[in-house]
Amino acid sequence: MASTFAALHHPDAGAPLLLPNAWDHASAAALAAQGFAAIGTTSLGVAAAAGLRDGSAATRDASLALALVLGQGPFLLSVDAEGGFSDDPAEVAEVARELAAVGAVGINLEDGRPDGTLTAVELHAAKISAVKDAVPGLFVNARTDTHWLGDGNGDGHGGGRGCETIRRLDAYQLAGADGVFVPGLGDPARIAALVKALDVPLNILYSPTGPTVPELAELGVRRISLGSLLYRRALGAALETAALIRAGLPVEGVAPTPTYGEVQALVPPGPTPSEGASW
């Protein structure tokens, strides 16, 4: 399964892996029913659903619990694990072991911190190395937040943000990362330059205002993540629906609303909690 997931980053036909991100069982199952062979989780969606702050290492248990539910699904699962929920590489490796044990084939590790700073490059590289030593087959997608956090203003050749991005991605590659992720990067020229400079697949976060999927594919991007976009749009649709109903207006939308039965059908048949309990 892990090798299949890795192969999706090196397609013969050149089409990149489009990875939608789910936040619970229903969203993952619905995406799988639409033909997505691989699905990631969104740390924002998981955190918000649990009433926790994203990026604060507070969602370790919630993320592992969701992976336990999704890991045996009919799709390949990659888990957004923030910064590994710890600054101790050994503890991050243990998280990776637990994720792999329940069926995850990939992990996303970010170097951004909630205070707006970046983890020391040596520490993040050590986390990646520890994970690869612990679970060699787990696909590690190493994310740098240089562009999201606005670390300088460079083009990758003269210093600033671009130079720091290259420096970090080089270190993460050397540490064993199977792919690298630069959210917030949308300039086609810079994306193309990064693709040429890297030895591993480049992951870009899709933005409605950025390059399209075909355009990113043409630039050589091998993985396109949707991040928290689906969760935020779902929340927006819920708010819009409630507001329309309150205003006495008809509820109209581009996409049809799933019926009660269709949502129920996303859950595989099995014992009820009381039937499955041991007491």
C-alpha atoms as a PDB file:
ATOM      1  CA  MET A   1       0.000   0.000   0.000  1.00  0.00           C
ATOM      2  CA  ALA A   2       2.802   2.415   0.904  1.00  0.00           C
ATOM      3  CA  SER A   3       4.629   1.688  -2.339  1.00  0.00           C
ATOM      4  CA  THR A   4       1.390   2.288  -4.246  1.00  0.00           C
ATOM      5  CA  PHE A   5       1.031   5.674  -2.576  1.00  0.00           C
ATOM      6  CA  ALA A   6       4.615   6.597  -3.416  1.00  0.00           C
ATOM      7  CA  ALA A   7       4.033   5.540  -7.024  1.00  0.00           C
ATOM      8  CA  LEU A   8       1.159   8.022  -7.297  1.00  0.00           C
ATOM      9  CA  HIS A   9       3.795  10.763  -7.009  1.00  0.00           C
ATOM     10  CA  HIS A  10       5.582   9.428 -10.110  1.00  0.00           C
ATOM     11  CA  PRO A  11       2.802   8.823 -12.647  1.00  0.00           C
ATOM     12  CA  ASP A  12       3.699   7.574 -16.109  1.00  0.00           C
ATOM     13  CA  ALA A  13       1.091   9.801 -17.717  1.00  0.00           C
ATOM     14  CA  GLY A  14       2.338  12.903 -15.931  1.00  0.00           C
ATOM     15  CA  ALA A  15      -0.877  13.667 -14.039  1.00  0.00           C
ATOM     16  CA  PRO A  16      -0.111  14.817 -10.488  1.00  0.00           C
ATOM     17  CA  LEU A  17      -1.686  13.291  -7.406  1.00  0.00           C
ATOM     18  CA  LEU A  18      -4.674  15.434  -6.425  1.00  0.00           C
ATOM     19  CA  LEU A  19      -5.038  14.858  -2.703  1.00  0.00           C
ATOM     20  CA  PRO A  20      -8.305  16.016  -1.085  1.00  0.00           C
ATOM     21  CA  ASN A  21      -8.229  16.421   2.677  1.00  0.00           C
ATOM     22  CA  ALA A  22     -10.920  15.023   4.966  1.00  0.00           C
ATOM     23  CA  TRP A  23     -11.733  15.859   8.579  1.00  0.00           C
ATOM     24  CA  ASP A  24     -13.928  12.935   9.627  1.00  0.00           C
ATOM     25  CA  HIS A  25     -15.154   9.550   8.452  1.00  0.00           C
ATOM     26  CA  ALA A  26     -18.075  10.888   6.415  1.00  0.00           C
ATOM     27  CA  SER A  27     -15.973  13.368   4.442  1.00  0.00           C
ATOM     28  CA  ALA A  28     -13.318  10.732   3.727  1.00  0.00           C
ATOM     29  CA  ALA A  29     -15.867   8.106   2.705  1.00  0.00           C
ATOM     30  CA  ALA A  30     -17.692  10.559   0.449  1.00  0.00           C
ATOM     31  CA  LEU A  31     -14.432  11.527  -1.279  1.00  0.00           C
ATOM     32  CA  ALA A  32     -13.489   7.886  -1.729  1.00  0.00           C
ATOM     33  CA  ALA A  33     -16.906   7.284  -3.301  1.00  0.00           C
ATOM     34  CA  GLN A  34     -16.037   9.992  -5.830  1.00  0.00           C
ATOM     35  CA  GLY A  35     -13.037   7.964  -6.981  1.00  0.00           C
ATOM     36  CA  PHE A  36     -10.169   9.510  -5.024  1.00  0.00           C
ATOM     37  CA  ALA A  37      -7.698   6.699  -4.431  1.00  0.00           C
ATOM     38  CA  ALA A  38      -5.740   8.632  -1.825  1.00  0.00           C
ATOM     39  CA  ILE A  39      -7.029  11.002   0.847  1.00  0.00           C
ATOM     40  CA  GLY A  40      -5.231  13.170   3.370  1.00  0.00           C
ATOM     41  CA  THR A  41      -6.458  14.679   6.589  1.00  0.00           C
ATOM     42  CA  THR A  42      -6.580  18.391   7.329  1.00  0.00           C
ATOM     43  CA  SER A  43      -5.157  19.398  10.692  1.00  0.00           C
ATOM     44  CA  LEU A  44      -7.344  22.515  10.785  1.00  0.00           C
ATOM     45  CA  GLY A  45     -10.515  20.517  10.204  1.00  0.00           C
ATOM     46  CA  VAL A  46      -9.566  17.862  12.758  1.00  0.00           C
ATOM     47  CA  ALA A  47      -8.624  20.505  15.322  1.00  0.00           C
ATOM     48  CA  ALA A  48     -11.689  22.694  14.785  1.00  0.00           C
ATOM     49  CA  ALA A  49     -14.045  19.713  14.961  1.00  0.00           C
ATOM     50  CA  ALA A  50     -12.505  18.798  18.319  1.00  0.00           C
ATOM     51  CA  GLY A  51     -12.601  22.368  19.650  1.00  0.00           C
ATOM     52  CA  LEU A  52      -8.800  22.669  19.573  1.00  0.00           C
ATOM     53  CA  ARG A  53      -6.311  25.097  18.061  1.00  0.00           C
ATOM     54  CA  ASP A  54      -4.539  23.969  14.911  1.00  0.00           C
ATOM     55  CA  GLY A  55      -0.754  23.805  14.906  1.00  0.00           C
ATOM     56  CA  SER A  56      -0.458  23.780  18.694  1.00  0.00           C
ATOM     57  CA  ALA A  57       0.355  20.053  19.063  1.00  0.00           C
ATOM     58  CA  ALA A  58      -2.998  19.632  20.836  1.00  0.00           C
ATOM     59  CA  THR A  59      -4.557  17.275  18.293  1.00  0.00           C
ATOM     60  CA  ARG A  60      -2.286  14.245  18.662  1.00  0.00           C
ATOM     61  CA  ASP A  61      -5.007  12.057  20.165  1.00  0.00           C
ATOM     62  CA  ALA A  62      -7.708  13.348  17.800  1.00  0.00           C
ATOM     63  CA  SER A  63      -5.482  12.741  14.770  1.00  0.00           C
ATOM     64  CA  LEU A  64      -4.573   9.226  15.874  1.00  0.00           C
ATOM     65  CA  ALA A  65      -8.213   8.444  16.631  1.00  0.00           C
ATOM     66  CA  LEU A  66      -9.249   9.589  13.163  1.00  0.00           C
ATOM     67  CA  ALA A  67      -6.431   7.580  11.572  1.00  0.00           C
ATOM     68  CA  LEU A  68      -7.699   4.520  13.430  1.00  0.00           C
ATOM     69  CA  VAL A  69     -11.126   5.048  11.848  1.00  0.00           C
ATOM     70  CA  LEU A  70      -9.847   5.833   8.350  1.00  0.00           C
ATOM     71  CA  GLY A  71      -6.787   3.616   8.105  1.00  0.00           C
ATOM     72  CA  GLN A  72      -8.719   0.541   6.975  1.00  0.00           C
ATOM     73  CA  GLY A  73     -10.836   2.414   4.438  1.00  0.00           C
ATOM     74  CA  PRO A  74     -10.863   1.682   0.691  1.00  0.00           C
ATOM     75  CA  PHE A  75      -8.289   4.415   0.017  1.00  0.00           C
ATOM     76  CA  LEU A  76      -4.702   5.311   0.800  1.00  0.00           C
ATOM     77  CA  LEU A  77      -4.436   7.539   3.868  1.00  0.00           C
ATOM     78  CA  SER A  78      -1.922  10.301   4.545  1.00  0.00           C
ATOM     79  CA  VAL A  79      -2.139  12.087   7.894  1.00  0.00           C
ATOM     80  CA  ASP A  80      -1.394  15.734   8.554  1.00  0.00           C
ATOM     81  CA  ALA A  81       0.543  15.500  11.819  1.00  0.00           C
ATOM     82  CA  GLU A  82       1.420  19.208  12.179  1.00  0.00           C
ATOM     83  CA  GLY A  83       5.043  19.269  13.426  1.00  0.00           C
ATOM     84  CA  GLY A  84       4.808  15.725  14.754  1.00  0.00           C
ATOM     85  CA  PHE A  85       3.158  16.917  18.002  1.00  0.00           C
ATOM     86  CA  SER A  86       6.560  17.166  19.679  1.00  0.00           C
ATOM     87  CA  ASP A  87      10.034  18.657  19.378  1.00  0.00           C
ATOM     88  CA  ASP A  88      11.547  15.327  20.413  1.00  0.00           C
ATOM     89  CA  PRO A  89      12.378  13.337  17.242  1.00  0.00           C
ATOM     90  CA  ALA A  90      11.905  10.068  19.143  1.00  0.00           C
ATOM     91  CA  GLU A  91       8.358  11.069  20.098  1.00  0.00           C
ATOM     92  CA  VAL A  92       7.611  12.083  16.510  1.00  0.00           C
ATOM     93  CA  ALA A  93       8.873   8.689  15.366  1.00  0.00           C
ATOM     94  CA  GLU A  94       6.498   7.035  17.834  1.00  0.00           C
ATOM     95  CA  VAL A  95       3.587   8.977  16.336  1.00  0.00           C
ATOM     96  CA  ALA A  96       4.656   7.705  12.915  1.00  0.00           C
ATOM     97  CA  ARG A  97       4.750   4.121  14.194  1.00  0.00           C
ATOM     98  CA  GLU A  98       1.244   4.454  15.601  1.00  0.00           C
ATOM     99  CA  LEU A  99      -0.080   5.921  12.354  1.00  0.00           C
ATOM    100  CA  ALA A 100       1.490   3.177  10.255  1.00  0.00           C
ATOM    101  CA  ALA A 101       0.128   0.528  12.620  1.00  0.00           C
ATOM    102  CA  VAL A 102      -3.457   1.626  11.945  1.00  0.00           C
ATOM    103  CA  GLY A 103      -3.023   1.774   8.173  1.00  0.00           C
ATOM    104  CA  ALA A 104      -1.682   5.215   7.264  1.00  0.00           C
ATOM    105  CA  VAL A 105       0.779   5.182   4.365  1.00  0.00           C
ATOM    106  CA  GLY A 106       1.895   8.808   4.555  1.00  0.00           C
ATOM    107  CA  ILE A 107       2.581  11.577   7.039  1.00  0.00           C
ATOM    108  CA  ASN A 108       2.849  15.327   6.558  1.00  0.00           C
ATOM    109  CA  LEU A 109       5.307  17.118   8.860  1.00  0.00           C
ATOM    110  CA  GLU A 110       5.494  20.915   8.931  1.00  0.00           C
ATOM    111  CA  ASP A 111       8.226  23.228  10.193  1.00  0.00           C
ATOM    112  CA  GLY A 112       5.960  26.207  10.950  1.00  0.00           C
ATOM    113  CA  ARG A 113       5.170  27.046  14.563  1.00  0.00           C
ATOM    114  CA  PRO A 114       1.965  28.632  15.917  1.00  0.00           C
ATOM    115  CA  ASP A 115       3.930  31.699  17.058  1.00  0.00           C
ATOM    116  CA  GLY A 116       4.805  32.526  13.452  1.00  0.00           C
ATOM    117  CA  THR A 117       8.370  31.256  13.556  1.00  0.00           C
ATOM    118  CA  LEU A 118      10.016  28.291  11.868  1.00  0.00           C
ATOM    119  CA  THR A 119      11.417  25.228  13.586  1.00  0.00           C
ATOM    120  CA  ALA A 120      15.205  25.082  13.339  1.00  0.00           C
ATOM    121  CA  VAL A 121      16.054  23.322  10.104  1.00  0.00           C
ATOM    122  CA  GLU A 122      18.315  20.851  11.932  1.00  0.00           C
ATOM    123  CA  LEU A 123      15.518  19.851  14.302  1.00  0.00           C
ATOM    124  CA  HIS A 124      12.959  19.340  11.553  1.00  0.00           C
ATOM    125  CA  ALA A 125      15.470  17.301   9.569  1.00  0.00           C
ATOM    126  CA  ALA A 126      16.087  15.190  12.681  1.00  0.00           C
ATOM    127  CA  LYS A 127      12.343  14.520  12.964  1.00  0.00           C
ATOM    128  CA  ILE A 128      12.216  13.372   9.343  1.00  0.00           C
ATOM    129  CA  SER A 129      15.245  11.142   9.801  1.00  0.00           C
ATOM    130  CA  ALA A 130      13.782   9.610  12.972  1.00  0.00           C
ATOM    131  CA  VAL A 131      10.514   8.809  11.206  1.00  0.00           C
ATOM    132  CA  LYS A 132      12.274   7.195   8.239  1.00  0.00           C
ATOM    133  CA  ASP A 133      14.428   5.125  10.591  1.00  0.00           C
ATOM    134  CA  ALA A 134      11.364   3.995  12.545  1.00  0.00           C
ATOM    135  CA  VAL A 135       9.001   3.380   9.609  1.00  0.00           C
ATOM    136  CA  PRO A 136      11.030   3.271   6.370  1.00  0.00           C
ATOM    137  CA  GLY A 137       7.981   2.615   4.202  1.00  0.00           C
ATOM    138  CA  LEU A 138       5.949   5.572   5.441  1.00  0.00           C
ATOM    139  CA  PHE A 139       5.871   8.378   2.862  1.00  0.00           C
ATOM    140  CA  VAL A 140       7.168  11.524   4.560  1.00  0.00           C
ATOM    141  CA  ASN A 141       5.962  14.766   3.005  1.00  0.00           C
ATOM    142  CA  ALA A 142       8.160  17.473   4.531  1.00  0.00           C
ATOM    143  CA  ARG A 143       6.490  20.865   4.585  1.00  0.00           C
ATOM    144  CA  THR A 144       8.192  24.213   4.936  1.00  0.00           C
ATOM    145  CA  ASP A 145       6.176  27.294   5.812  1.00  0.00           C
ATOM    146  CA  THR A 146       8.694  29.840   4.531  1.00  0.00           C
ATOM    147  CA  HIS A 147       6.169  31.325   2.104  1.00  0.00           C
ATOM    148  CA  TRP A 148       3.208  31.268   4.457  1.00  0.00           C
ATOM    149  CA  LEU A 149       5.182  32.942   7.205  1.00  0.00           C
ATOM    150  CA  GLY A 150       6.789  35.483   4.867  1.00  0.00           C
ATOM    151  CA  ASP A 151      10.387  34.690   5.737  1.00  0.00           C
ATOM    152  CA  GLY A 152      12.120  37.243   3.519  1.00  0.00           C
ATOM    153  CA  ASN A 153      11.641  38.085  -0.145  1.00  0.00           C
ATOM    154  CA  GLY A 154      13.863  36.120  -2.468  1.00  0.00           C
ATOM    155  CA  ASP A 155      13.581  34.237  -5.727  1.00  0.00           C
ATOM    156  CA  GLY A 156      15.563  31.197  -4.711  1.00  0.00           C
ATOM    157  CA  HIS A 157      18.802  32.515  -6.147  1.00  0.00           C
ATOM    158  CA  GLY A 158      19.515  35.798  -4.435  1.00  0.00           C
ATOM    159  CA  GLY A 159      18.481  35.307  -0.804  1.00  0.00           C
ATOM    160  CA  GLY A 160      15.421  35.859   1.365  1.00  0.00           C
ATOM    161  CA  ARG A 161      12.383  33.637   1.313  1.00  0.00           C
ATOM    162  CA  GLY A 162      13.299  31.697  -1.837  1.00  0.00           C
ATOM    163  CA  CYS A 163      16.829  31.023  -0.625  1.00  0.00           C
ATOM    164  CA  GLU A 164      15.589  29.846   2.775  1.00  0.00           C
ATOM    165  CA  THR A 165      13.051  27.593   1.065  1.00  0.00           C
ATOM    166  CA  ILE A 166      15.766  25.913  -0.988  1.00  0.00           C
ATOM    167  CA  ARG A 167      18.032  25.568   2.052  1.00  0.00           C
ATOM    168  CA  ARG A 168      15.331  23.875   4.057  1.00  0.00           C
ATOM    169  CA  LEU A 169      14.111  21.587   1.289  1.00  0.00           C
ATOM    170  CA  ASP A 170      17.667  20.457   0.579  1.00  0.00           C
ATOM    171  CA  ALA A 171      18.105  19.545   4.240  1.00  0.00           C
ATOM    172  CA  TYR A 172      14.787  17.700   4.328  1.00  0.00           C
ATOM    173  CA  GLN A 173      15.657  15.732   1.195  1.00  0.00           C
ATOM    174  CA  LEU A 174      18.976  14.714   2.703  1.00  0.00           C
ATOM    175  CA  ALA A 175      17.189  13.645   5.888  1.00  0.00           C
ATOM    176  CA  GLY A 176      15.105  11.182   3.860  1.00  0.00           C
ATOM    177  CA  ALA A 177      11.907  13.036   2.960  1.00  0.00           C
ATOM    178  CA  ASP A 178      10.041  11.313   0.133  1.00  0.00           C
ATOM    179  CA  GLY A 179       8.407  14.556  -0.981  1.00  0.00           C
ATOM    180  CA  VAL A 180       8.410  18.221  -0.033  1.00  0.00           C
ATOM    181  CA  PHE A 181       5.564  20.687   0.381  1.00  0.00           C
ATOM    182  CA  VAL A 182       5.603  24.482   0.007  1.00  0.00           C
ATOM    183  CA  PRO A 183       2.152  25.893   0.822  1.00  0.00           C
ATOM    184  CA  GLY A 184       1.627  29.508  -0.143  1.00  0.00           C
ATOM    185  CA  LEU A 185       3.830  29.296  -3.217  1.00  0.00           C
ATOM    186  CA  GLY A 186       1.812  30.193  -6.318  1.00  0.00           C
ATOM    187  CA  ASP A 187       4.201  31.965  -8.677  1.00  0.00           C
ATOM    188  CA  PRO A 188       4.646  29.723 -11.746  1.00  0.00           C
ATOM    189  CA  ALA A 189       8.282  30.717 -12.360  1.00  0.00           C
ATOM    190  CA  ARG A 190       9.292  29.953  -8.778  1.00  0.00           C
ATOM    191  CA  ILE A 191       7.402  26.670  -8.806  1.00  0.00           C
ATOM    192  CA  ALA A 192       9.171  25.611 -12.013  1.00  0.00           C
ATOM    193  CA  ALA A 193      12.547  26.590 -10.561  1.00  0.00           C
ATOM    194  CA  LEU A 194      11.894  24.522  -7.437  1.00  0.00           C
ATOM    195  CA  VAL A 195      10.865  21.486  -9.471  1.00  0.00           C
ATOM    196  CA  LYS A 196      14.187  21.637 -11.338  1.00  0.00           C
ATOM    197  CA  ALA A 197      16.172  22.044  -8.118  1.00  0.00           C
ATOM    198  CA  LEU A 198      14.579  19.108  -6.286  1.00  0.00           C
ATOM    199  CA  ASP A 199      15.272  15.380  -6.356  1.00  0.00           C
ATOM    200  CA  VAL A 200      11.899  14.483  -4.815  1.00  0.00           C
ATOM    201  CA  PRO A 201       8.290  15.313  -5.806  1.00  0.00           C
ATOM    202  CA  LEU A 202       7.054  18.822  -5.104  1.00  0.00           C
ATOM    203  CA  ASN A 203       3.685  19.281  -3.398  1.00  0.00           C
ATOM    204  CA  ILE A 204       1.812  22.561  -3.873  1.00  0.00           C
ATOM    205  CA  LEU A 205      -1.305  23.688  -2.002  1.00  0.00           C
ATOM    206  CA  TYR A 206      -4.120  24.441  -4.425  1.00  0.00           C
ATOM    207  CA  SER A 207      -5.553  27.954  -4.226  1.00  0.00           C
ATOM    208  CA  PRO A 208      -8.676  29.137  -6.071  1.00  0.00           C
ATOM    209  CA  THR A 209      -6.697  32.250  -7.036  1.00  0.00           C
ATOM    210  CA  GLY A 210      -3.555  30.386  -8.083  1.00  0.00           C
ATOM    211  CA  PRO A 211      -2.550  28.092 -10.956  1.00  0.00           C
ATOM    212  CA  THR A 212      -5.071  25.453 -12.009  1.00  0.00           C
ATOM    213  CA  VAL A 213      -4.404  21.738 -11.679  1.00  0.00           C
ATOM    214  CA  PRO A 214      -3.444  21.416 -15.381  1.00  0.00           C
ATOM    215  CA  GLU A 215      -1.134  24.423 -15.040  1.00  0.00           C
ATOM    216  CA  LEU A 216       0.550  22.960 -11.972  1.00  0.00           C
ATOM    217  CA  ALA A 217       0.962  19.661 -13.797  1.00  0.00           C
ATOM    218  CA  GLU A 218       2.610  21.456 -16.700  1.00  0.00           C
ATOM    219  CA  LEU A 219       5.067  23.040 -14.247  1.00  0.00           C
ATOM    220  CA  GLY A 220       6.086  19.601 -12.998  1.00  0.00           C
ATOM    221  CA  VAL A 221       4.243  19.585  -9.664  1.00  0.00           C
ATOM    222  CA  ARG A 222       3.688  15.989  -8.571  1.00  0.00           C
ATOM    223  CA  ARG A 223       1.208  16.420  -5.713  1.00  0.00           C
ATOM    224  CA  ILE A 224      -1.552  18.979  -5.227  1.00  0.00           C
ATOM    225  CA  SER A 225      -3.193  19.181  -1.819  1.00  0.00           C
ATOM    226  CA  LEU A 226      -6.493  20.848  -1.034  1.00  0.00           C
ATOM    227  CA  GLY A 227      -5.609  21.413   2.633  1.00  0.00           C
ATOM    228  CA  SER A 228      -8.434  22.881   4.689  1.00  0.00           C
ATOM    229  CA  LEU A 229     -10.280  24.240   1.640  1.00  0.00           C
ATOM    230  CA  LEU A 230     -12.991  21.567   1.576  1.00  0.00           C
ATOM    231  CA  TYR A 231     -13.636  21.895   5.310  1.00  0.00           C
ATOM    232  CA  ARG A 232     -13.859  25.682   5.115  1.00  0.00           C
ATOM    233  CA  ARG A 233     -16.176  25.558   2.103  1.00  0.00           C
ATOM    234  CA  ALA A 234     -18.396  23.014   3.861  1.00  0.00           C
ATOM    235  CA  LEU A 235     -18.582  25.303   6.886  1.00  0.00           C
ATOM    236  CA  GLY A 236     -19.347  28.245   4.632  1.00  0.00           C
ATOM    237  CA  ALA A 237     -22.119  26.325   2.900  1.00  0.00           C
ATOM    238  CA  ALA A 238     -23.673  25.445   6.267  1.00  0.00           C
ATOM    239  CA  LEU A 239     -23.632  29.081   7.364  1.00  0.00           C
ATOM    240  CA  GLU A 240     -25.099  30.227   4.047  1.00  0.00           C
ATOM    241  CA  THR A 241     -27.887  27.654   4.253  1.00  0.00           C
ATOM    242  CA  ALA A 242     -28.803  28.633   7.801  1.00  0.00           C
ATOM    243  CA  ALA A 243     -28.846  32.326   6.858  1.00  0.00           C
ATOM    244  CA  LEU A 244     -31.083  31.723   3.833  1.00  0.00           C
ATOM    245  CA  ILE A 245     -33.558  29.707   5.879  1.00  0.00           C
ATOM    246  CA  ARG A 246     -33.634  32.350   8.613  1.00  0.00           C
ATOM    247  CA  ALA A 247     -34.311  35.023   5.994  1.00  0.00           C
ATOM    248  CA  GLY A 248     -37.175  33.045   4.482  1.00  0.00           C
ATOM    249  CA  LEU A 249     -35.329  32.587   1.202  1.00  0.00           C
ATOM    250  CA  PRO A 250     -35.080  29.423  -0.894  1.00  0.00           C
ATOM    251  CA  VAL A 251     -32.060  27.246  -0.282  1.00  0.00           C
ATOM    252  CA  GLU A 252     -30.163  27.035  -3.525  1.00  0.00           C
ATOM    253  CA  GLY A 253     -26.772  25.583  -4.205  1.00  0.00           C
ATOM    254  CA  VAL A 254     -24.586  24.374  -7.026  1.00  0.00           C
ATOM    255  CA  ALA A 255     -24.136  20.903  -5.562  1.00  0.00           C
ATOM    256  CA  PRO A 256     -27.019  18.684  -4.440  1.00  0.00           C
ATOM    257  CA  THR A 257     -27.375  18.062  -0.729  1.00  0.00           C
ATOM    258  CA  PRO A 258     -26.834  14.400   0.237  1.00  0.00           C
ATOM    259  CA  THR A 259     -29.915  12.757   1.686  1.00  0.00           C
ATOM    260  CA  TYR A 260     -30.065  11.279   5.172  1.00  0.00           C
ATOM    261  CA  GLY A 261     -29.910   7.812   3.646  1.00  0.00           C
ATOM    262  CA  GLU A 262     -26.904   8.650   1.488  1.00  0.00           C
ATOM    263  CA  VAL A 263     -24.954   9.858   4.507  1.00  0.00           C
ATOM    264  CA  GLN A 264     -25.985   6.782   6.490  1.00  0.00           C
ATOM    265  CA  ALA A 265     -24.738   4.632   3.633  1.00  0.00           C
ATOM    266  CA  LEU A 266     -21.235   6.062   4.063  1.00  0.00           C
ATOM    267  CA  VAL A 267     -20.950   4.128   7.327  1.00  0.00           C
ATOM    268  CA  PRO A 268     -20.279   0.405   6.825  1.00  0.00           C
ATOM    269  CA  PRO A 269     -22.780  -1.955   8.481  1.00  0.00           C
ATOM    270  CA  GLY A 270     -21.660  -3.271  11.833  1.00  0.00           C
ATOM    271  CA  PRO A 271     -22.645  -3.626  15.470  1.00  0.00           C
ATOM    272  CA  THR A 272     -24.074  -0.664  17.333  1.00  0.00           C
ATOM    273  CA  PRO A 273     -21.957   0.650  20.221  1.00  0.00           C
ATOM    274  CA  SER A 274     -24.053  -1.298  22.718  1.00  0.00           C
ATOM    275  CA  GLU A 275     -23.777  -4.502  20.680  1.00  0.00           C
ATOM    276  CA  GLY A 276     -20.028  -4.125  20.371  1.00  0.00           C
ATOM    277  CA  ALA A 277     -19.451  -3.275  24.022  1.00  0.00           C
ATOM    278  CA  SER A 278     -17.855  -5.782  26.365  1.00  0.00           C
ATOM    279  CA  TRP A 279     -19.975  -4.908  29.408  1.00  0.00           C
END
